[in-house]
PDB file of N, CA and C in Angstrom:
ATOM      1  N   MET A   1     -88.915 -77.036 149.019  1.00  0.00           N
ATOM      2  CA  MET A   1     -89.138 -75.598 149.032  1.00  0.00           C
ATOM      3  C   MET A   1     -87.854 -74.835 149.341  1.00  0.00           C
ATOM      4  N   SER A   2     -87.006 -75.352 150.206  1.00  0.00           N
ATOM      5  CA  SER A   2     -85.792 -74.638 150.590  1.00  0.00           C
ATOM      6  C   SER A   2     -84.895 -74.329 149.400  1.00  0.00           C
ATOM      7  N   GLU A   3     -84.806 -75.262 148.449  1.00  0.00           N
ATOM      8  CA  GLU A   3     -83.938 -75.040 147.298  1.00  0.00           C
ATOM      9  C   GLU A   3     -84.392 -73.831 146.482  1.00  0.00           C
ATOM     10  N   GLU A   4     -85.679 -73.548 146.481  1.00  0.00           N
ATOM     11  CA  GLU A   4     -86.196 -72.414 145.735  1.00  0.00           C
ATOM     12  C   GLU A   4     -86.067 -71.105 146.507  1.00  0.00           C
ATOM     13  N   THR A   5     -85.945 -71.196 147.828  1.00  0.00           N
ATOM     14  CA  THR A   5     -85.974 -69.982 148.638  1.00  0.00           C
ATOM     15  C   THR A   5     -84.656 -69.657 149.320  1.00  0.00           C
ATOM     16  N   LEU A   6     -83.837 -70.673 149.608  1.00  0.00           N
ATOM     17  CA  LEU A   6     -82.555 -70.444 150.273  1.00  0.00           C
ATOM     18  C   LEU A   6     -81.427 -71.086 149.476  1.00  0.00           C
ATOM     19  N   TRP A   7     -80.317 -70.365 149.361  1.00  0.00           N
ATOM     20  CA  TRP A   7     -79.140 -70.930 148.717  1.00  0.00           C
ATOM     21  C   TRP A   7     -78.102 -71.245 149.791  1.00  0.00           C
ATOM     22  N   VAL A   8     -77.190 -72.159 149.470  1.00  0.00           N
ATOM     23  CA  VAL A   8     -76.104 -72.536 150.375  1.00  0.00           C
ATOM     24  C   VAL A   8     -74.805 -72.445 149.588  1.00  0.00           C
ATOM     25  N   LYS A   9     -73.809 -71.804 150.204  1.00  0.00           N
ATOM     26  CA  LYS A   9     -72.517 -71.629 149.536  1.00  0.00           C
ATOM     27  C   LYS A   9     -71.410 -71.951 150.530  1.00  0.00           C
ATOM     28  N   ASP A  10     -70.399 -72.711 150.099  1.00  0.00           N
ATOM     29  CA  ASP A  10     -69.247 -72.991 150.951  1.00  0.00           C
ATOM     30  C   ASP A  10     -68.391 -71.735 151.055  1.00  0.00           C
ATOM     31  N   VAL A  11     -68.081 -71.349 152.299  1.00  0.00           N
ATOM     32  CA  VAL A  11     -67.198 -70.217 152.573  1.00  0.00           C
ATOM     33  C   VAL A  11     -66.150 -70.678 153.587  1.00  0.00           C
ATOM     34  N   GLU A  12     -65.158 -69.845 153.843  1.00  0.00           N
ATOM     35  CA  GLU A  12     -64.070 -70.223 154.740  1.00  0.00           C
ATOM     36  C   GLU A  12     -64.565 -70.644 156.127  1.00  0.00           C
ATOM     37  N   MET A  13     -65.589 -69.953 156.643  1.00  0.00           N
ATOM     38  CA  MET A  13     -66.096 -70.234 157.988  1.00  0.00           C
ATOM     39  C   MET A  13     -67.032 -71.445 158.049  1.00  0.00           C
ATOM     40  N   GLY A  14     -67.525 -71.916 156.898  1.00  0.00           N
ATOM     41  CA  GLY A  14     -68.465 -73.034 156.882  1.00  0.00           C
ATOM     42  C   GLY A  14     -69.394 -72.952 155.685  1.00  0.00           C
ATOM     43  N   LYS A  15     -70.697 -73.040 155.953  1.00  0.00           N
ATOM     44  CA  LYS A  15     -71.700 -72.951 154.882  1.00  0.00           C
ATOM     45  C   LYS A  15     -72.561 -71.708 155.112  1.00  0.00           C
ATOM     46  N   MET A  16     -72.568 -70.833 154.119  1.00  0.00           N
ATOM     47  CA  MET A  16     -73.349 -69.603 154.177  1.00  0.00           C
ATOM     48  C   MET A  16     -74.719 -69.865 153.562  1.00  0.00           C
ATOM     49  N   VAL A  17     -75.764 -69.346 154.217  1.00  0.00           N
ATOM     50  CA  VAL A  17     -77.139 -69.519 153.754  1.00  0.00           C
ATOM     51  C   VAL A  17     -77.721 -68.145 153.450  1.00  0.00           C
ATOM     52  N   GLY A  18     -78.402 -68.036 152.318  1.00  0.00           N
ATOM     53  CA  GLY A  18     -78.989 -66.753 151.940  1.00  0.00           C
ATOM     54  C   GLY A  18     -80.286 -66.916 151.171  1.00  0.00           C
ATOM     55  N   LEU A  19     -80.870 -65.783 150.820  1.00  0.00           N
ATOM     56  CA  LEU A  19     -82.152 -65.754 150.106  1.00  0.00           C
ATOM     57  C   LEU A  19     -81.949 -65.803 148.600  1.00  0.00           C
ATOM     58  N   THR A  20     -82.708 -66.657 147.941  1.00  0.00           N
ATOM     59  CA  THR A  20     -82.665 -66.713 146.487  1.00  0.00           C
ATOM     60  C   THR A  20     -83.486 -65.560 145.907  1.00  0.00           C
ATOM     61  N   PRO A  21     -83.259 -65.219 144.643  1.00  0.00           N
ATOM     62  CA  PRO A  21     -84.095 -64.204 143.996  1.00  0.00           C
ATOM     63  C   PRO A  21     -85.577 -64.579 144.022  1.00  0.00           C
ATOM     64  N   THR A  22     -85.892 -65.881 143.940  1.00  0.00           N
ATOM     65  CA  THR A  22     -87.284 -66.326 144.002  1.00  0.00           C
ATOM     66  C   THR A  22     -87.912 -65.934 145.339  1.00  0.00           C
ATOM     67  N   ALA A  23     -87.192 -66.190 146.421  1.00  0.00           N
ATOM     68  CA  ALA A  23     -87.705 -65.831 147.752  1.00  0.00           C
ATOM     69  C   ALA A  23     -87.881 -64.321 147.868  1.00  0.00           C
ATOM     70  N   GLN A  24     -86.914 -63.572 147.365  1.00  0.00           N
ATOM     71  CA  GLN A  24     -87.011 -62.115 147.430  1.00  0.00           C
ATOM     72  C   GLN A  24     -88.221 -61.615 146.656  1.00  0.00           C
ATOM     73  N   ASP A  25     -88.472 -62.180 145.478  1.00  0.00           N
ATOM     74  CA  ASP A  25     -89.641 -61.790 144.684  1.00  0.00           C
ATOM     75  C   ASP A  25     -90.940 -62.131 145.403  1.00  0.00           C
ATOM     76  N   ASP A  26     -90.985 -63.322 146.010  1.00  0.00           N
ATOM     77  CA  ASP A  26     -92.187 -63.762 146.724  1.00  0.00           C
ATOM     78  C   ASP A  26     -92.495 -62.873 147.928  1.00  0.00           C
ATOM     79  N   LEU A  27     -91.453 -62.394 148.586  1.00  0.00           N
ATOM     80  CA  LEU A  27     -91.626 -61.594 149.799  1.00  0.00           C
ATOM     81  C   LEU A  27     -91.942 -60.136 149.521  1.00  0.00           C
ATOM     82  N   GLY A  28     -91.307 -59.575 148.527  1.00  0.00           N
ATOM     83  CA  GLY A  28     -91.378 -58.126 148.347  1.00  0.00           C
ATOM     84  C   GLY A  28     -90.408 -57.474 149.313  1.00  0.00           C
ATOM     85  N   SER A  29     -90.611 -56.223 149.628  1.00  0.00           N
ATOM     86  CA  SER A  29     -89.702 -55.475 150.494  1.00  0.00           C
ATOM     87  C   SER A  29     -89.724 -56.038 151.923  1.00  0.00           C
ATOM     88  N   ILE A  30     -88.565 -56.454 152.404  1.00  0.00           N
ATOM     89  CA  ILE A  30     -88.453 -57.061 153.741  1.00  0.00           C
ATOM     90  C   ILE A  30     -88.384 -55.968 154.802  1.00  0.00           C
ATOM     91  N   THR A  31     -89.208 -56.121 155.844  1.00  0.00           N
ATOM     92  CA  THR A  31     -89.306 -55.098 156.893  1.00  0.00           C
ATOM     93  C   THR A  31     -88.800 -55.570 158.253  1.00  0.00           C
ATOM     94  N   PHE A  32     -88.660 -56.881 158.459  1.00  0.00           N
ATOM     95  CA  PHE A  32     -88.213 -57.412 159.743  1.00  0.00           C
ATOM     96  C   PHE A  32     -87.542 -58.755 159.521  1.00  0.00           C
ATOM     97  N   ALA A  33     -86.434 -58.981 160.236  1.00  0.00           N
ATOM     98  CA  ALA A  33     -85.730 -60.259 160.138  1.00  0.00           C
ATOM     99  C   ALA A  33     -85.360 -60.751 161.528  1.00  0.00           C
ATOM    100  N   MET A  34     -85.759 -61.980 161.831  1.00  0.00           N
ATOM    101  CA  MET A  34     -85.343 -62.619 163.075  1.00  0.00           C
ATOM    102  C   MET A  34     -84.433 -63.777 162.694  1.00  0.00           C
ATOM    103  N   LEU A  35     -83.139 -63.604 162.962  1.00  0.00           N
ATOM    104  CA  LEU A  35     -82.133 -64.583 162.597  1.00  0.00           C
ATOM    105  C   LEU A  35     -81.762 -65.417 163.816  1.00  0.00           C
ATOM    106  N   PRO A  36     -81.124 -66.575 163.591  1.00  0.00           N
ATOM    107  CA  PRO A  36     -80.755 -67.424 164.730  1.00  0.00           C
ATOM    108  C   PRO A  36     -79.653 -66.789 165.570  1.00  0.00           C
ATOM    109  N   LYS A  37     -79.501 -67.259 166.780  1.00  0.00           N
ATOM    110  CA  LYS A  37     -78.428 -66.799 167.658  1.00  0.00           C
ATOM    111  C   LYS A  37     -77.141 -67.543 167.329  1.00  0.00           C
ATOM    112  N   VAL A  38     -76.023 -66.842 167.382  1.00  0.00           N
ATOM    113  CA  VAL A  38     -74.724 -67.478 167.192  1.00  0.00           C
ATOM    114  C   VAL A  38     -74.556 -68.518 168.306  1.00  0.00           C
ATOM    115  N   GLY A  39     -74.090 -69.701 167.924  1.00  0.00           N
ATOM    116  CA  GLY A  39     -73.911 -70.798 168.872  1.00  0.00           C
ATOM    117  C   GLY A  39     -75.058 -71.796 168.865  1.00  0.00           C
ATOM    118  N   LYS A  40     -76.153 -71.447 168.204  1.00  0.00           N
ATOM    119  CA  LYS A  40     -77.319 -72.343 168.149  1.00  0.00           C
ATOM    120  C   LYS A  40     -77.004 -73.549 167.274  1.00  0.00           C
ATOM    121  N   GLU A  41     -77.301 -74.745 167.796  1.00  0.00           N
ATOM    122  CA  GLU A  41     -77.166 -75.970 166.998  1.00  0.00           C
ATOM    123  C   GLU A  41     -78.451 -76.168 166.213  1.00  0.00           C
ATOM    124  N   ILE A  42     -78.294 -76.430 164.919  1.00  0.00           N
ATOM    125  CA  ILE A  42     -79.476 -76.623 164.066  1.00  0.00           C
ATOM    126  C   ILE A  42     -79.311 -77.874 163.217  1.00  0.00           C
ATOM    127  N   LYS A  43     -80.449 -78.411 162.801  1.00  0.00           N
ATOM    128  CA  LYS A  43     -80.478 -79.561 161.899  1.00  0.00           C
ATOM    129  C   LYS A  43     -81.273 -79.175 160.661  1.00  0.00           C
ATOM    130  N   ILE A  44     -81.030 -79.886 159.575  1.00  0.00           N
ATOM    131  CA  ILE A  44     -81.808 -79.668 158.357  1.00  0.00           C
ATOM    132  C   ILE A  44     -83.283 -79.794 158.700  1.00  0.00           C
ATOM    133  N   GLY A  45     -84.062 -78.806 158.276  1.00  0.00           N
ATOM    134  CA  GLY A  45     -85.500 -78.826 158.511  1.00  0.00           C
ATOM    135  C   GLY A  45     -85.950 -78.061 159.747  1.00  0.00           C
ATOM    136  N   ASP A  46     -84.996 -77.678 160.624  1.00  0.00           N
ATOM    137  CA  ASP A  46     -85.365 -76.879 161.800  1.00  0.00           C
ATOM    138  C   ASP A  46     -85.807 -75.490 161.358  1.00  0.00           C
ATOM    139  N   PRO A  47     -86.883 -74.952 161.945  1.00  0.00           N
ATOM    140  CA  PRO A  47     -87.235 -73.556 161.654  1.00  0.00           C
ATOM    141  C   PRO A  47     -86.108 -72.671 162.169  1.00  0.00           C
ATOM    142  N   ILE A  48     -85.634 -71.761 161.332  1.00  0.00           N
ATOM    143  CA  ILE A  48     -84.416 -71.031 161.698  1.00  0.00           C
ATOM    144  C   ILE A  48     -84.498 -69.522 161.491  1.00  0.00           C
ATOM    145  N   VAL A  49     -85.227 -69.064 160.492  1.00  0.00           N
ATOM    146  CA  VAL A  49     -85.286 -67.635 160.163  1.00  0.00           C
ATOM    147  C   VAL A  49     -86.740 -67.230 159.962  1.00  0.00           C
ATOM    148  N   GLU A  50     -87.109 -66.069 160.516  1.00  0.00           N
ATOM    149  CA  GLU A  50     -88.440 -65.522 160.266  1.00  0.00           C
ATOM    150  C   GLU A  50     -88.278 -64.151 159.620  1.00  0.00           C
ATOM    151  N   LEU A  51     -88.961 -63.971 158.501  1.00  0.00           N
ATOM    152  CA  LEU A  51     -88.909 -62.701 157.778  1.00  0.00           C
ATOM    153  C   LEU A  51     -90.314 -62.155 157.604  1.00  0.00           C
ATOM    154  N   GLU A  52     -90.452 -60.855 157.828  1.00  0.00           N
ATOM    155  CA  GLU A  52     -91.707 -60.169 157.549  1.00  0.00           C
ATOM    156  C   GLU A  52     -91.456 -59.222 156.390  1.00  0.00           C
ATOM    157  N   ALA A  53     -92.413 -59.190 155.467  1.00  0.00           N
ATOM    158  CA  ALA A  53     -92.270 -58.348 154.288  1.00  0.00           C
ATOM    159  C   ALA A  53     -93.637 -57.852 153.851  1.00  0.00           C
ATOM    160  N   GLU A  54     -93.643 -57.034 152.790  1.00  0.00           N
ATOM    161  CA  GLU A  54     -94.900 -56.446 152.346  1.00  0.00           C
ATOM    162  C   GLU A  54     -95.900 -57.480 151.843  1.00  0.00           C
ATOM    163  N   LYS A  55     -95.417 -58.622 151.330  1.00  0.00           N
ATOM    164  CA  LYS A  55     -96.312 -59.619 150.757  1.00  0.00           C
ATOM    165  C   LYS A  55     -96.575 -60.816 151.671  1.00  0.00           C
ATOM    166  N   ALA A  56     -95.708 -61.042 152.675  1.00  0.00           N
ATOM    167  CA  ALA A  56     -95.857 -62.251 153.484  1.00  0.00           C
ATOM    168  C   ALA A  56     -95.015 -62.195 154.750  1.00  0.00           C
ATOM    169  N   VAL A  57     -95.378 -63.049 155.694  1.00  0.00           N
ATOM    170  CA  VAL A  57     -94.546 -63.351 156.853  1.00  0.00           C
ATOM    171  C   VAL A  57     -94.195 -64.828 156.703  1.00  0.00           C
ATOM    172  N   VAL A  58     -92.902 -65.124 156.665  1.00  0.00           N
ATOM    173  CA  VAL A  58     -92.471 -66.485 156.350  1.00  0.00           C
ATOM    174  C   VAL A  58     -91.423 -66.952 157.356  1.00  0.00           C
ATOM    175  N   GLU A  59     -91.549 -68.221 157.753  1.00  0.00           N
ATOM    176  CA  GLU A  59     -90.519 -68.871 158.556  1.00  0.00           C
ATOM    177  C   GLU A  59     -89.840 -69.891 157.663  1.00  0.00           C
ATOM    178  N   TYR A  60     -88.518 -69.802 157.571  1.00  0.00           N
ATOM    179  CA  TYR A  60     -87.761 -70.710 156.720  1.00  0.00           C
ATOM    180  C   TYR A  60     -87.094 -71.791 157.554  1.00  0.00           C
ATOM    181  N   ASP A  61     -87.027 -73.000 156.983  1.00  0.00           N
ATOM    182  CA  ASP A  61     -86.346 -74.114 157.620  1.00  0.00           C
ATOM    183  C   ASP A  61     -84.915 -74.176 157.112  1.00  0.00           C
ATOM    184  N   SER A  62     -84.018 -74.603 157.983  1.00  0.00           N
ATOM    185  CA  SER A  62     -82.607 -74.656 157.629  1.00  0.00           C
ATOM    186  C   SER A  62     -82.328 -75.735 156.580  1.00  0.00           C
ATOM    187  N   PRO A  63     -81.548 -75.381 155.558  1.00  0.00           N
ATOM    188  CA  PRO A  63     -81.147 -76.374 154.563  1.00  0.00           C
ATOM    189  C   PRO A  63     -79.842 -77.086 154.945  1.00  0.00           C
ATOM    190  N   VAL A  64     -79.269 -76.736 156.119  1.00  0.00           N
ATOM    191  CA  VAL A  64     -77.994 -77.312 156.552  1.00  0.00           C
ATOM    192  C   VAL A  64     -78.050 -77.680 158.037  1.00  0.00           C
ATOM    193  N   THR A  65     -77.123 -78.550 158.443  1.00  0.00           N
ATOM    194  CA  THR A  65     -76.969 -78.951 159.835  1.00  0.00           C
ATOM    195  C   THR A  65     -75.640 -78.406 160.340  1.00  0.00           C
ATOM    196  N   GLY A  66     -75.618 -77.975 161.600  1.00  0.00           N
ATOM    197  CA  GLY A  66     -74.380 -77.499 162.204  1.00  0.00           C
ATOM    198  C   GLY A  66     -74.647 -76.511 163.319  1.00  0.00           C
ATOM    199  N   VAL A  67     -73.628 -75.727 163.629  1.00  0.00           N
ATOM    200  CA  VAL A  67     -73.717 -74.698 164.659  1.00  0.00           C
ATOM    201  C   VAL A  67     -73.598 -73.340 163.976  1.00  0.00           C
ATOM    202  N   VAL A  68     -74.488 -72.430 164.308  1.00  0.00           N
ATOM    203  CA  VAL A  68     -74.447 -71.081 163.740  1.00  0.00           C
ATOM    204  C   VAL A  68     -73.197 -70.375 164.269  1.00  0.00           C
ATOM    205  N   VAL A  69     -72.306 -69.960 163.355  1.00  0.00           N
ATOM    206  CA  VAL A  69     -71.070 -69.282 163.757  1.00  0.00           C
ATOM    207  C   VAL A  69     -71.098 -67.793 163.439  1.00  0.00           C
ATOM    208  N   SER A  70     -72.045 -67.372 162.598  1.00  0.00           N
ATOM    209  CA  SER A  70     -72.146 -65.959 162.249  1.00  0.00           C
ATOM    210  C   SER A  70     -73.537 -65.679 161.689  1.00  0.00           C
ATOM    211  N   ILE A  71     -74.033 -64.460 161.951  1.00  0.00           N
ATOM    212  CA  ILE A  71     -75.280 -64.020 161.328  1.00  0.00           C
ATOM    213  C   ILE A  71     -75.024 -62.679 160.663  1.00  0.00           C
ATOM    214  N   ASN A  72     -75.895 -62.316 159.758  1.00  0.00           N
ATOM    215  CA  ASN A  72     -75.795 -61.021 159.084  1.00  0.00           C
ATOM    216  C   ASN A  72     -76.423 -59.967 160.004  1.00  0.00           C
ATOM    217  N   GLU A  73     -75.616 -59.485 160.965  1.00  0.00           N
ATOM    218  CA  GLU A  73     -76.105 -58.534 161.964  1.00  0.00           C
ATOM    219  C   GLU A  73     -76.608 -57.244 161.327  1.00  0.00           C
ATOM    220  N   GLU A  74     -75.966 -56.808 160.255  1.00  0.00           N
ATOM    221  CA  GLU A  74     -76.394 -55.580 159.587  1.00  0.00           C
ATOM    222  C   GLU A  74     -77.808 -55.743 159.016  1.00  0.00           C
ATOM    223  N   ALA A  75     -78.097 -56.915 158.474  1.00  0.00           N
ATOM    224  CA  ALA A  75     -79.430 -57.157 157.917  1.00  0.00           C
ATOM    225  C   ALA A  75     -80.481 -57.260 159.017  1.00  0.00           C
ATOM    226  N   GLU A  76     -80.074 -57.742 160.192  1.00  0.00           N
ATOM    227  CA  GLU A  76     -81.018 -57.821 161.302  1.00  0.00           C
ATOM    228  C   GLU A  76     -81.401 -56.407 161.753  1.00  0.00           C
ATOM    229  N   LYS A  77     -80.423 -55.497 161.705  1.00  0.00           N
ATOM    230  CA  LYS A  77     -80.683 -54.101 162.074  1.00  0.00           C
ATOM    231  C   LYS A  77     -81.401 -53.346 160.958  1.00  0.00           C
ATOM    232  N   ASN A  78     -81.050 -53.653 159.707  1.00  0.00           N
ATOM    233  CA  ASN A  78     -81.605 -52.980 158.537  1.00  0.00           C
ATOM    234  C   ASN A  78     -82.084 -54.044 157.534  1.00  0.00           C
ATOM    235  N   PRO A  79     -83.294 -54.595 157.734  1.00  0.00           N
ATOM    236  CA  PRO A  79     -83.788 -55.704 156.907  1.00  0.00           C
ATOM    237  C   PRO A  79     -83.842 -55.413 155.410  1.00  0.00           C
ATOM    238  N   LYS A  80     -83.859 -54.156 155.011  1.00  0.00           N
ATOM    239  CA  LYS A  80     -83.881 -53.820 153.577  1.00  0.00           C
ATOM    240  C   LYS A  80     -82.652 -54.377 152.853  1.00  0.00           C
ATOM    241  N   LEU A  81     -81.563 -54.624 153.590  1.00  0.00           N
ATOM    242  CA  LEU A  81     -80.370 -55.214 152.983  1.00  0.00           C
ATOM    243  C   LEU A  81     -80.669 -56.597 152.402  1.00  0.00           C
ATOM    244  N   LEU A  82     -81.689 -57.261 152.933  1.00  0.00           N
ATOM    245  CA  LEU A  82     -82.052 -58.595 152.441  1.00  0.00           C
ATOM    246  C   LEU A  82     -82.790 -58.537 151.109  1.00  0.00           C
ATOM    247  N   ASP A  83     -83.116 -57.341 150.655  1.00  0.00           N
ATOM    248  CA  ASP A  83     -83.725 -57.182 149.335  1.00  0.00           C
ATOM    249  C   ASP A  83     -82.669 -57.166 148.230  1.00  0.00           C
ATOM    250  N   GLU A  84     -81.392 -57.048 148.617  1.00  0.00           N
ATOM    251  CA  GLU A  84     -80.304 -56.938 147.646  1.00  0.00           C
ATOM    252  C   GLU A  84     -79.876 -58.318 147.135  1.00  0.00           C
ATOM    253  N   LYS A  85     -79.262 -58.320 145.955  1.00  0.00           N
ATOM    254  CA  LYS A  85     -78.769 -59.553 145.343  1.00  0.00           C
ATOM    255  C   LYS A  85     -77.770 -60.242 146.280  1.00  0.00           C
ATOM    256  N   ASP A  86     -77.815 -61.560 146.313  1.00  0.00           N
ATOM    257  CA  ASP A  86     -76.903 -62.390 147.122  1.00  0.00           C
ATOM    258  C   ASP A  86     -76.995 -62.104 148.621  1.00  0.00           C
ATOM    259  N   ALA A  87     -78.157 -61.692 149.090  1.00  0.00           N
ATOM    260  CA  ALA A  87     -78.343 -61.416 150.517  1.00  0.00           C
ATOM    261  C   ALA A  87     -78.140 -62.695 151.328  1.00  0.00           C
ATOM    262  N   TRP A  88     -77.279 -62.622 152.336  1.00  0.00           N
ATOM    263  CA  TRP A  88     -77.017 -63.799 153.169  1.00  0.00           C
ATOM    264  C   TRP A  88     -77.632 -63.611 154.538  1.00  0.00           C
ATOM    265  N   LEU A  89     -77.932 -64.738 155.198  1.00  0.00           N
ATOM    266  CA  LEU A  89     -78.602 -64.732 156.487  1.00  0.00           C
ATOM    267  C   LEU A  89     -77.683 -65.181 157.620  1.00  0.00           C
ATOM    268  N   TYR A  90     -77.079 -66.365 157.472  1.00  0.00           N
ATOM    269  CA  TYR A  90     -76.244 -66.902 158.532  1.00  0.00           C
ATOM    270  C   TYR A  90     -75.227 -67.886 157.969  1.00  0.00           C
ATOM    271  N   ILE A  91     -74.226 -68.219 158.801  1.00  0.00           N
ATOM    272  CA  ILE A  91     -73.202 -69.195 158.436  1.00  0.00           C
ATOM    273  C   ILE A  91     -73.178 -70.296 159.497  1.00  0.00           C
ATOM    274  N   VAL A  92     -73.115 -71.541 159.030  1.00  0.00           N
ATOM    275  CA  VAL A  92     -73.102 -72.715 159.899  1.00  0.00           C
ATOM    276  C   VAL A  92     -71.792 -73.461 159.684  1.00  0.00           C
ATOM    277  N   LYS A  93     -71.243 -73.980 160.784  1.00  0.00           N
ATOM    278  CA  LYS A  93     -70.031 -74.803 160.676  1.00  0.00           C
ATOM    279  C   LYS A  93     -70.333 -76.189 161.192  1.00  0.00           C
TER     280      LYS A  93
END
């Protein structure tokens, strides 16, 4: 399921994780985002992100292992940003 809902991209800081267009379509307009804390150690399959939207409330499992080094703080404050193309959630190193 993660491959259909979350993408992973190599970036300078590590691995960036974001929402696929499929996940965005399934959710509809996102109204709330609970992202992991910076410094949190995670493993593949750990529940990591919770999103509330007009069509569903979903908890996503991490597709990567590592330590969270950055989160999309702007999206946490303004979840509508996660409706945009290439919306990212967090970066793991």
